Amino acid sequence: MTHEHAAVPGELTDPANSGGALAEPGAVTLVVPTFNESANIRELLRQIAESVPSRLPCEVVFVDDSTDDTPDVIREAARHCPFPVTVLHRAEPVGGLGGAVVEGLRAATSEWIVVMDGDCQHPPSLVPELVATGERTGAGLVVASRYIEGGSRAGLAGGYRVAVSRAATWLTKSLFPRGLRGISDPMSGFFAIRRADITADTLKPLGYKILLELAVRGRPDRVGEVPFVFQDRFAGHSKSGAREGLRFLRHLIGLRTASPAARLIGFGLIGASGFLPNLLGLWALTRAGLHYVPAEIAANQLGVAWNLVLIEHLLFRDRRGHRRWWDRACRFALLANADLVLRIPLIALLVHRFGMGALGATALALAITFVLRFVGTEALVYLPRRGRGGSTAARRAV
């Protein structure tokens, strides 16, 4: 990652070597994630300069994942700004826009941090009101909402984007009724948060809805809202698309399955879905003339592969770095096949030793092996390795 900081207008320095260039941090840090927004930068900084510094000392942190000249435009425009401007350019956009925001949160020096888009759809004139509302009410998080009185989603272009936004809002509030209580617009990308209420290392962003991540994983005790009118884009076009939509759905599943109980349920549902490729494989292999015993063994591997793919991407996405993919795949396959080997003698034990009926013994054996498989998968496949050297992820972090 490239760090560049405009400590004063016209001067760019490296924050890591600045030696306290910012003697008095601003009262608010504006974190602006950008991806190819060069045409909007000058207008955004002009709007900030006109509406924020006169009412509230500020600094601006751009976290940039662009492939165009956006960093150069920021550097040039920063020379004419009456406030510090920092550019953090990420060579690898880990976590998408949400990951960029987390980098900005770590770099912020102010008590209050305001996250906003770089396309001028979030009016900077509202920044002082967001901070003032937090100070007045004692809220740790203040959301700019399009869905309370005085707000509007006018800047959403077209009926399709309006429908998608409404559906996403309904879905998130349905999945997290407690975590999102008091937040009418969980899809908003415009909000203020106290730096003291952020534990950046607990955040696991994926995609562009970082407010959802902040609210669900570490929601402040008190939340406030301020109405705002979603503006038209100043230039360029929206980066939202089918790919971001899929990342958003994966993010929702990851948040919803964060607790062990929810992961257990998700593990069971994924396991049940594995019967489909298993049965289809068995049907195809027996139709091709293969004996049913080897056909069943081979078809079971299709179900195992199906389950592994879903578990990797939906339940344990954030733990995949602890082991290499082939290590995880081999361990998972061994556990899944050991389930078959263990189940038959367990059924026999329940029937002949404890006098259970075949149906009840089979159901109990399925439940026992299912729980053992879940515990084994979590402990032997996705938990960090112990011992000398630690996990791959830990070594990378160091």
Protein backbone atom coordinates (compact mmCIF):
# COMPACT_ATOMS: atom_id res chain seq x y z
CA MET A 1 0.00 0.00 0.00
CA THR A 2 1.21 3.46 -0.85
CA HIS A 3 0.77 6.12 1.86
CA GLU A 4 0.87 9.77 0.86
CA HIS A 5 -0.13 12.66 3.06
CA ALA A 6 -0.64 16.33 2.35
CA ALA A 7 0.25 17.75 5.74
CA VAL A 8 -0.20 21.29 4.49
CA PRO A 9 -1.51 22.55 1.16
CA GLY A 10 1.04 21.78 -1.51
CA GLU A 11 3.13 19.31 0.53
CA LEU A 12 2.92 15.51 0.39
CA THR A 13 4.67 13.38 3.01
CA ASP A 14 4.65 9.81 4.25
CA PRO A 15 2.62 9.51 7.51
CA ALA A 16 4.86 6.69 8.68
CA ASN A 17 7.82 9.07 8.70
CA SER A 18 6.06 12.34 9.40
CA GLY A 19 7.16 12.49 13.03
CA GLY A 20 3.89 14.09 14.12
CA ALA A 21 3.30 16.39 11.14
CA LEU A 22 -0.30 16.65 12.29
CA ALA A 23 0.31 18.32 15.63
CA GLU A 24 -3.42 18.89 16.20
CA PRO A 25 -5.62 16.35 14.46
CA GLY A 26 -8.86 17.62 12.97
CA ALA A 27 -12.11 17.38 14.88
CA VAL A 28 -13.40 15.07 12.14
CA THR A 29 -11.73 12.74 9.66
CA LEU A 30 -13.56 12.19 6.38
CA VAL A 31 -12.81 8.71 5.04
CA VAL A 32 -13.53 8.48 1.31
CA PRO A 33 -13.01 5.14 -0.47
CA THR A 34 -12.46 5.62 -4.21
CA PHE A 35 -12.30 3.46 -7.30
CA ASN A 36 -11.72 5.32 -10.57
CA GLU A 37 -13.40 8.55 -9.40
CA SER A 38 -10.90 11.02 -10.91
CA ALA A 39 -13.67 13.10 -12.49
CA ASN A 40 -15.32 13.68 -9.09
CA ILE A 41 -12.34 14.48 -6.87
CA ARG A 42 -12.00 18.23 -7.46
CA GLU A 43 -15.74 18.81 -7.08
CA LEU A 44 -15.88 16.76 -3.88
CA LEU A 45 -12.95 18.62 -2.30
CA ARG A 46 -14.49 21.94 -3.38
CA GLN A 47 -17.78 21.01 -1.64
CA ILE A 48 -15.92 19.91 1.50
CA ALA A 49 -13.90 23.13 1.57
CA GLU A 50 -17.06 25.23 1.23
CA SER A 51 -19.10 23.55 3.94
CA VAL A 52 -16.93 21.76 6.53
CA PRO A 53 -13.78 23.65 7.70
CA SER A 54 -15.62 26.85 8.59
CA ARG A 55 -17.79 24.92 11.06
CA LEU A 56 -15.55 21.99 12.00
CA PRO A 57 -11.79 21.37 11.66
CA CYS A 58 -11.27 18.39 9.38
CA GLU A 59 -8.87 16.12 7.51
CA VAL A 60 -9.67 13.94 4.51
CA VAL A 61 -8.37 10.40 4.02
CA PHE A 62 -8.82 8.90 0.55
CA VAL A 63 -8.38 5.12 0.41
CA ASP A 64 -7.92 4.42 -3.27
CA ASP A 65 -8.21 1.18 -5.23
CA SER A 66 -8.21 2.88 -8.63
CA THR A 67 -6.69 1.69 -11.87
CA ASP A 68 -6.85 5.17 -13.41
CA ASP A 69 -5.21 8.50 -12.48
CA THR A 70 -7.37 9.14 -9.39
CA PRO A 71 -4.35 9.23 -6.97
CA ASP A 72 -2.61 11.83 -9.17
CA VAL A 73 -5.76 13.95 -9.31
CA ILE A 74 -6.07 13.78 -5.50
CA ARG A 75 -2.45 14.85 -5.06
CA GLU A 76 -2.89 17.81 -7.38
CA ALA A 77 -6.22 18.91 -5.88
CA ALA A 78 -4.81 18.59 -2.34
CA ARG A 79 -2.39 21.44 -3.04
CA HIS A 80 -5.29 23.88 -2.99
CA CYS A 81 -7.12 22.53 0.06
CA PRO A 82 -7.18 24.37 3.41
CA PHE A 83 -7.10 21.05 5.29
CA PRO A 84 -4.82 17.97 5.34
CA VAL A 85 -5.46 15.36 2.65
CA THR A 86 -4.10 11.80 2.86
CA VAL A 87 -3.95 9.30 -0.01
CA LEU A 88 -3.69 5.59 0.79
CA HIS A 89 -3.42 3.70 -2.49
CA ARG A 90 -3.93 -0.05 -2.17
CA ALA A 91 -2.22 -2.22 -4.74
CA GLU A 92 -4.47 -5.11 -3.70
CA PRO A 93 -8.10 -4.15 -2.91
CA VAL A 94 -8.66 -6.69 -0.12
CA GLY A 95 -12.27 -6.68 1.09
CA GLY A 96 -13.46 -4.33 -1.65
CA LEU A 97 -14.83 -0.95 -0.67
CA GLY A 98 -15.50 -2.16 2.87
CA GLY A 99 -11.86 -3.13 3.25
CA ALA A 100 -10.85 0.32 2.00
CA VAL A 101 -13.01 1.94 4.67
CA VAL A 102 -11.38 -0.18 7.40
CA GLU A 103 -7.95 1.03 6.21
CA GLY A 104 -9.25 4.58 6.46
CA LEU A 105 -10.59 3.99 9.96
CA ARG A 106 -7.14 2.81 11.05
CA ALA A 107 -5.50 5.90 9.54
CA ALA A 108 -7.92 8.43 11.04
CA THR A 109 -6.60 10.74 13.77
CA SER A 110 -9.82 12.44 14.89
CA GLU A 111 -12.34 11.56 17.56
CA TRP A 112 -15.10 11.51 14.95
CA ILE A 113 -14.87 9.73 11.60
CA VAL A 114 -17.32 10.32 8.77
CA VAL A 115 -17.46 7.76 5.96
CA MET A 116 -18.77 9.01 2.63
CA ASP A 117 -18.62 8.16 -1.07
CA GLY A 118 -16.35 9.88 -3.56
CA ASP A 119 -19.00 10.48 -6.24
CA CYS A 120 -20.61 13.57 -4.63
CA GLN A 121 -23.87 11.74 -3.88
CA HIS A 122 -23.29 12.31 -0.15
CA PRO A 123 -23.45 16.07 0.58
CA PRO A 124 -20.45 17.21 2.69
CA SER A 125 -22.61 20.02 4.08
CA LEU A 126 -24.24 17.38 6.30
CA VAL A 127 -20.95 16.39 7.99
CA PRO A 128 -21.11 18.99 10.80
CA GLU A 129 -24.70 17.97 11.57
CA LEU A 130 -23.76 14.28 11.79
CA VAL A 131 -21.02 15.06 14.31
CA ALA A 132 -23.17 17.56 16.23
CA THR A 133 -25.97 14.99 16.54
CA GLY A 134 -23.52 12.48 17.99
CA GLU A 135 -22.19 15.01 20.48
CA ARG A 136 -25.65 16.20 21.46
CA THR A 137 -27.23 12.76 21.93
CA GLY A 138 -24.19 10.82 23.11
CA ALA A 139 -24.56 8.44 20.17
CA GLY A 140 -21.51 6.52 19.01
CA LEU A 141 -22.89 6.05 15.51
CA VAL A 142 -24.93 8.57 13.51
CA VAL A 143 -26.38 7.41 10.19
CA ALA A 144 -27.42 9.68 7.32
CA SER A 145 -30.74 8.09 6.36
CA ARG A 146 -32.77 8.34 3.17
CA TYR A 147 -35.78 6.73 4.84
CA ILE A 148 -36.75 9.07 7.66
CA GLU A 149 -38.73 12.29 7.41
CA GLY A 150 -36.75 14.83 5.40
CA GLY A 151 -34.67 12.20 3.60
CA SER A 152 -34.91 11.08 0.00
CA ARG A 153 -33.35 8.51 -2.33
CA ALA A 154 -33.76 10.86 -5.32
CA GLY A 155 -30.23 10.21 -6.58
CA LEU A 156 -30.84 6.49 -7.16
CA ALA A 157 -30.93 6.23 -10.94
CA GLY A 158 -33.81 4.17 -12.31
CA GLY A 159 -36.48 1.91 -10.92
CA TYR A 160 -34.15 -1.10 -10.89
CA ARG A 161 -31.69 0.45 -8.42
CA VAL A 162 -34.57 1.68 -6.24
CA ALA A 163 -36.06 -1.83 -6.15
CA VAL A 164 -32.69 -3.43 -5.36
CA SER A 165 -32.04 -0.90 -2.58
CA ARG A 166 -35.45 -1.49 -1.01
CA ALA A 167 -35.10 -5.28 -1.23
CA ALA A 168 -31.62 -5.19 0.31
CA THR A 169 -32.83 -2.93 3.12
CA TRP A 170 -35.76 -5.24 3.88
CA LEU A 171 -33.52 -8.32 3.79
CA THR A 172 -30.87 -6.92 6.13
CA LYS A 173 -33.40 -5.63 8.65
CA SER A 174 -35.17 -9.01 8.60
CA LEU A 175 -31.94 -10.92 9.19
CA PHE A 176 -30.64 -8.62 11.93
CA PRO A 177 -33.65 -7.13 13.75
CA ARG A 178 -31.73 -6.57 17.00
CA GLY A 179 -28.40 -5.44 15.58
CA LEU A 180 -30.07 -2.90 13.27
CA ARG A 181 -32.64 -1.58 15.73
CA GLY A 182 -32.87 2.17 15.36
CA ILE A 183 -31.24 2.19 11.91
CA SER A 184 -33.75 2.86 9.15
CA ASP A 185 -31.17 2.85 6.35
CA PRO A 186 -28.65 0.03 6.96
CA MET A 187 -27.51 0.26 3.32
CA SER A 188 -26.35 3.85 3.76
CA GLY A 189 -22.71 4.53 3.01
CA PHE A 190 -22.81 7.92 4.75
CA PHE A 191 -22.38 7.93 8.54
CA ALA A 192 -20.32 9.23 11.46
CA ILE A 193 -18.76 7.05 14.14
CA ARG A 194 -16.64 7.75 17.21
CA ARG A 195 -13.12 6.38 16.84
CA ALA A 196 -13.30 5.03 20.42
CA ASP A 197 -16.22 2.80 19.39
CA ILE A 198 -14.30 1.06 16.58
CA THR A 199 -12.30 -2.11 16.93
CA ALA A 200 -11.01 -2.37 13.38
CA ASP A 201 -9.40 -5.78 13.90
CA THR A 202 -12.81 -7.38 14.58
CA LEU A 203 -14.23 -6.19 11.26
CA LYS A 204 -14.34 -8.61 8.33
CA PRO A 205 -15.65 -6.51 5.45
CA LEU A 206 -16.64 -7.96 2.10
CA GLY A 207 -17.96 -5.59 -0.55
CA TYR A 208 -19.33 -2.14 -0.13
CA LYS A 209 -21.78 -2.16 2.82
CA ILE A 210 -19.44 -1.37 5.70
CA LEU A 211 -22.18 0.18 7.87
CA LEU A 212 -23.83 -3.23 8.14
CA GLU A 213 -20.52 -4.70 9.30
CA LEU A 214 -20.01 -1.98 11.91
CA ALA A 215 -23.57 -2.19 13.22
CA VAL A 216 -23.79 -5.98 13.50
CA ARG A 217 -20.29 -6.89 14.74
CA GLY A 218 -19.72 -4.02 17.16
CA ARG A 219 -22.72 -1.75 17.40
CA PRO A 220 -22.33 1.25 19.73
CA ASP A 221 -24.74 1.49 22.65
CA ARG A 222 -26.58 4.45 21.17
CA VAL A 223 -27.38 5.22 17.51
CA GLY A 224 -28.63 8.47 15.97
CA GLU A 225 -29.98 9.34 12.53
CA VAL A 226 -30.01 12.45 10.37
CA PRO A 227 -32.12 12.72 7.20
CA PHE A 228 -30.33 13.35 3.93
CA VAL A 229 -31.21 13.64 0.27
CA PHE A 230 -29.22 11.23 -1.87
CA GLN A 231 -27.73 13.36 -4.64
CA ASP A 232 -27.16 12.64 -8.33
CA ARG A 233 -23.69 11.51 -9.31
CA PHE A 234 -21.49 14.41 -10.37
CA ALA A 235 -19.66 12.34 -13.02
CA GLY A 236 -19.03 8.74 -14.02
CA HIS A 237 -21.25 5.76 -13.35
CA SER A 238 -22.11 3.49 -10.44
CA LYS A 239 -19.75 0.61 -9.66
CA SER A 240 -22.61 -1.53 -8.30
CA GLY A 241 -23.38 -4.63 -10.32
CA ALA A 242 -24.11 -8.34 -10.18
CA ARG A 243 -20.66 -9.11 -8.78
CA GLU A 244 -21.10 -6.66 -5.90
CA GLY A 245 -24.56 -8.07 -5.31
CA LEU A 246 -23.14 -11.57 -4.88
CA ARG A 247 -20.46 -10.28 -2.53
CA PHE A 248 -23.17 -8.54 -0.52
CA LEU A 249 -25.15 -11.79 -0.18
CA ARG A 250 -22.00 -13.64 0.90
CA HIS A 251 -21.37 -10.89 3.44
CA LEU A 252 -24.90 -11.27 4.83
CA ILE A 253 -24.44 -15.04 5.19
CA GLY A 254 -21.08 -14.54 6.89
CA LEU A 255 -22.56 -12.11 9.40
CA ARG A 256 -25.61 -14.28 10.03
CA THR A 257 -23.50 -17.41 10.64
CA ALA A 258 -20.95 -15.73 12.92
CA SER A 259 -22.21 -17.55 16.04
CA PRO A 260 -21.51 -21.28 16.59
CA ALA A 261 -25.22 -22.12 16.72
CA ALA A 262 -25.89 -20.36 13.43
CA ARG A 263 -22.86 -22.05 11.84
CA LEU A 264 -24.16 -25.43 13.01
CA ILE A 265 -27.51 -24.77 11.34
CA GLY A 266 -25.81 -23.55 8.17
CA PHE A 267 -23.57 -26.63 8.20
CA GLY A 268 -26.63 -28.84 8.39
CA LEU A 269 -28.42 -27.06 5.54
CA ILE A 270 -25.34 -27.27 3.34
CA GLY A 271 -24.97 -30.95 4.19
CA ALA A 272 -28.61 -31.59 3.26
CA SER A 273 -28.10 -29.83 -0.07
CA GLY A 274 -25.23 -32.26 -0.78
CA PHE A 275 -27.72 -35.08 -1.24
CA LEU A 276 -28.68 -33.62 -4.63
CA PRO A 277 -25.29 -34.01 -6.39
CA ASN A 278 -24.83 -37.32 -4.51
CA LEU A 279 -28.08 -38.79 -5.88
CA LEU A 280 -27.52 -37.38 -9.37
CA GLY A 281 -24.03 -38.89 -9.44
CA LEU A 282 -25.33 -42.24 -8.20
CA TRP A 283 -28.05 -42.27 -10.85
CA ALA A 284 -25.59 -41.42 -13.65
CA LEU A 285 -22.99 -43.98 -12.58
CA THR A 286 -25.46 -46.85 -12.16
CA ARG A 287 -27.09 -45.98 -15.48
CA ALA A 288 -23.62 -46.23 -17.02
CA GLY A 289 -23.39 -49.81 -15.72
CA LEU A 290 -21.24 -49.35 -12.61
CA HIS A 291 -22.02 -51.59 -9.63
CA TYR A 292 -23.98 -49.74 -6.97
CA VAL A 293 -21.29 -50.10 -4.24
CA PRO A 294 -18.43 -48.33 -6.07
CA ALA A 295 -21.03 -46.01 -7.61
CA GLU A 296 -22.19 -44.99 -4.12
CA ILE A 297 -18.60 -44.40 -2.97
CA ALA A 298 -17.85 -42.24 -6.03
CA ALA A 299 -21.15 -40.37 -5.83
CA ASN A 300 -20.51 -39.59 -2.18
CA GLN A 301 -17.36 -37.73 -3.22
CA LEU A 302 -19.48 -35.45 -5.41
CA GLY A 303 -21.56 -34.55 -2.36
CA VAL A 304 -18.39 -34.00 -0.35
CA ALA A 305 -16.98 -31.66 -3.01
CA TRP A 306 -20.28 -29.77 -3.21
CA ASN A 307 -20.38 -29.31 0.57
CA LEU A 308 -16.74 -28.21 0.71
CA VAL A 309 -17.24 -25.48 -1.89
CA LEU A 310 -20.29 -24.05 -0.08
CA ILE A 311 -18.70 -24.30 3.36
CA GLU A 312 -15.53 -22.62 2.12
CA HIS A 313 -17.39 -19.64 0.66
CA LEU A 314 -20.33 -19.29 3.03
CA LEU A 315 -19.33 -20.48 6.51
CA PHE A 316 -15.56 -20.30 6.87
CA ARG A 317 -14.48 -17.71 4.29
CA ASP A 318 -12.50 -15.74 6.87
CA ARG A 319 -10.65 -18.84 8.17
CA ARG A 320 -9.33 -20.21 4.89
CA GLY A 321 -5.94 -18.57 5.39
CA HIS A 322 -5.03 -20.90 8.28
CA ARG A 323 -4.27 -23.83 5.96
CA ARG A 324 -3.55 -24.39 2.28
CA TRP A 325 -6.51 -25.34 0.11
CA TRP A 326 -5.32 -28.90 -0.53
CA ASP A 327 -4.79 -29.44 3.20
CA ARG A 328 -8.33 -28.25 3.94
CA ALA A 329 -9.79 -30.36 1.12
CA CYS A 330 -8.04 -33.56 2.24
CA ARG A 331 -9.01 -33.10 5.89
CA PHE A 332 -12.62 -32.33 5.00
CA ALA A 333 -12.85 -35.36 2.69
CA LEU A 334 -11.41 -37.65 5.37
CA LEU A 335 -13.93 -36.39 7.93
CA ALA A 336 -16.84 -36.73 5.52
CA ASN A 337 -15.94 -40.29 4.57
CA ALA A 338 -15.15 -41.24 8.16
CA ASP A 339 -18.78 -40.30 8.86
CA LEU A 340 -19.90 -43.19 6.64
CA VAL A 341 -17.46 -45.64 8.24
CA LEU A 342 -18.48 -44.64 11.78
CA ARG A 343 -22.24 -44.58 11.19
CA ILE A 344 -22.77 -48.29 10.41
CA PRO A 345 -21.04 -49.73 13.52
CA LEU A 346 -22.71 -47.03 15.62
CA ILE A 347 -26.13 -48.10 14.36
CA ALA A 348 -25.26 -51.72 15.09
CA LEU A 349 -24.19 -50.80 18.63
CA LEU A 350 -27.42 -48.90 19.30
CA VAL A 351 -29.56 -51.73 17.97
CA HIS A 352 -27.84 -54.76 19.52
CA ARG A 353 -26.44 -53.27 22.73
CA PHE A 354 -29.17 -50.78 23.65
CA GLY A 355 -32.13 -52.48 21.99
CA MET A 356 -33.16 -49.54 19.79
CA GLY A 357 -35.18 -49.97 16.62
CA ALA A 358 -33.36 -49.65 13.31
CA LEU A 359 -35.11 -46.39 12.38
CA GLY A 360 -34.47 -44.69 15.72
CA ALA A 361 -30.88 -45.93 15.83
CA THR A 362 -30.25 -44.60 12.33
CA ALA A 363 -31.71 -41.18 13.20
CA LEU A 364 -29.66 -40.96 16.40
CA ALA A 365 -26.50 -42.09 14.61
CA LEU A 366 -27.05 -39.44 11.91
CA ALA A 367 -27.43 -36.74 14.57
CA ILE A 368 -24.32 -37.88 16.49
CA THR A 369 -22.10 -38.15 13.44
CA PHE A 370 -23.41 -34.82 12.13
CA VAL A 371 -22.39 -33.00 15.32
CA LEU A 372 -19.04 -34.80 15.38
CA ARG A 373 -18.44 -33.88 11.74
CA PHE A 374 -19.24 -30.23 12.42
CA VAL A 375 -16.97 -30.08 15.48
CA GLY A 376 -14.23 -31.93 13.61
CA THR A 377 -14.52 -29.65 10.58
CA GLU A 378 -14.23 -26.52 12.69
CA ALA A 379 -11.41 -27.85 14.88
CA LEU A 380 -9.34 -29.86 12.41
CA VAL A 381 -9.89 -27.97 9.14
CA TYR A 382 -10.52 -24.29 9.89
CA LEU A 383 -8.95 -23.44 13.25
CA PRO A 384 -5.37 -22.07 13.25
CA ARG A 385 -2.62 -24.64 13.57
CA ARG A 386 -0.81 -24.77 16.87
CA GLY A 387 2.83 -25.28 17.51
CA ARG A 388 6.02 -23.92 16.07
CA GLY A 389 5.55 -21.35 13.34
CA GLY A 390 1.87 -20.71 13.89
CA SER A 391 -0.62 -20.34 11.07
CA THR A 392 0.04 -19.11 7.58
CA ALA A 393 -2.23 -16.15 8.21
CA ALA A 394 -0.39 -15.25 11.40
CA ARG A 395 2.98 -15.36 9.64
CA ARG A 396 1.64 -13.15 6.89
CA ALA A 397 0.27 -10.69 9.44
CA VAL A 398 3.66 -10.45 11.13
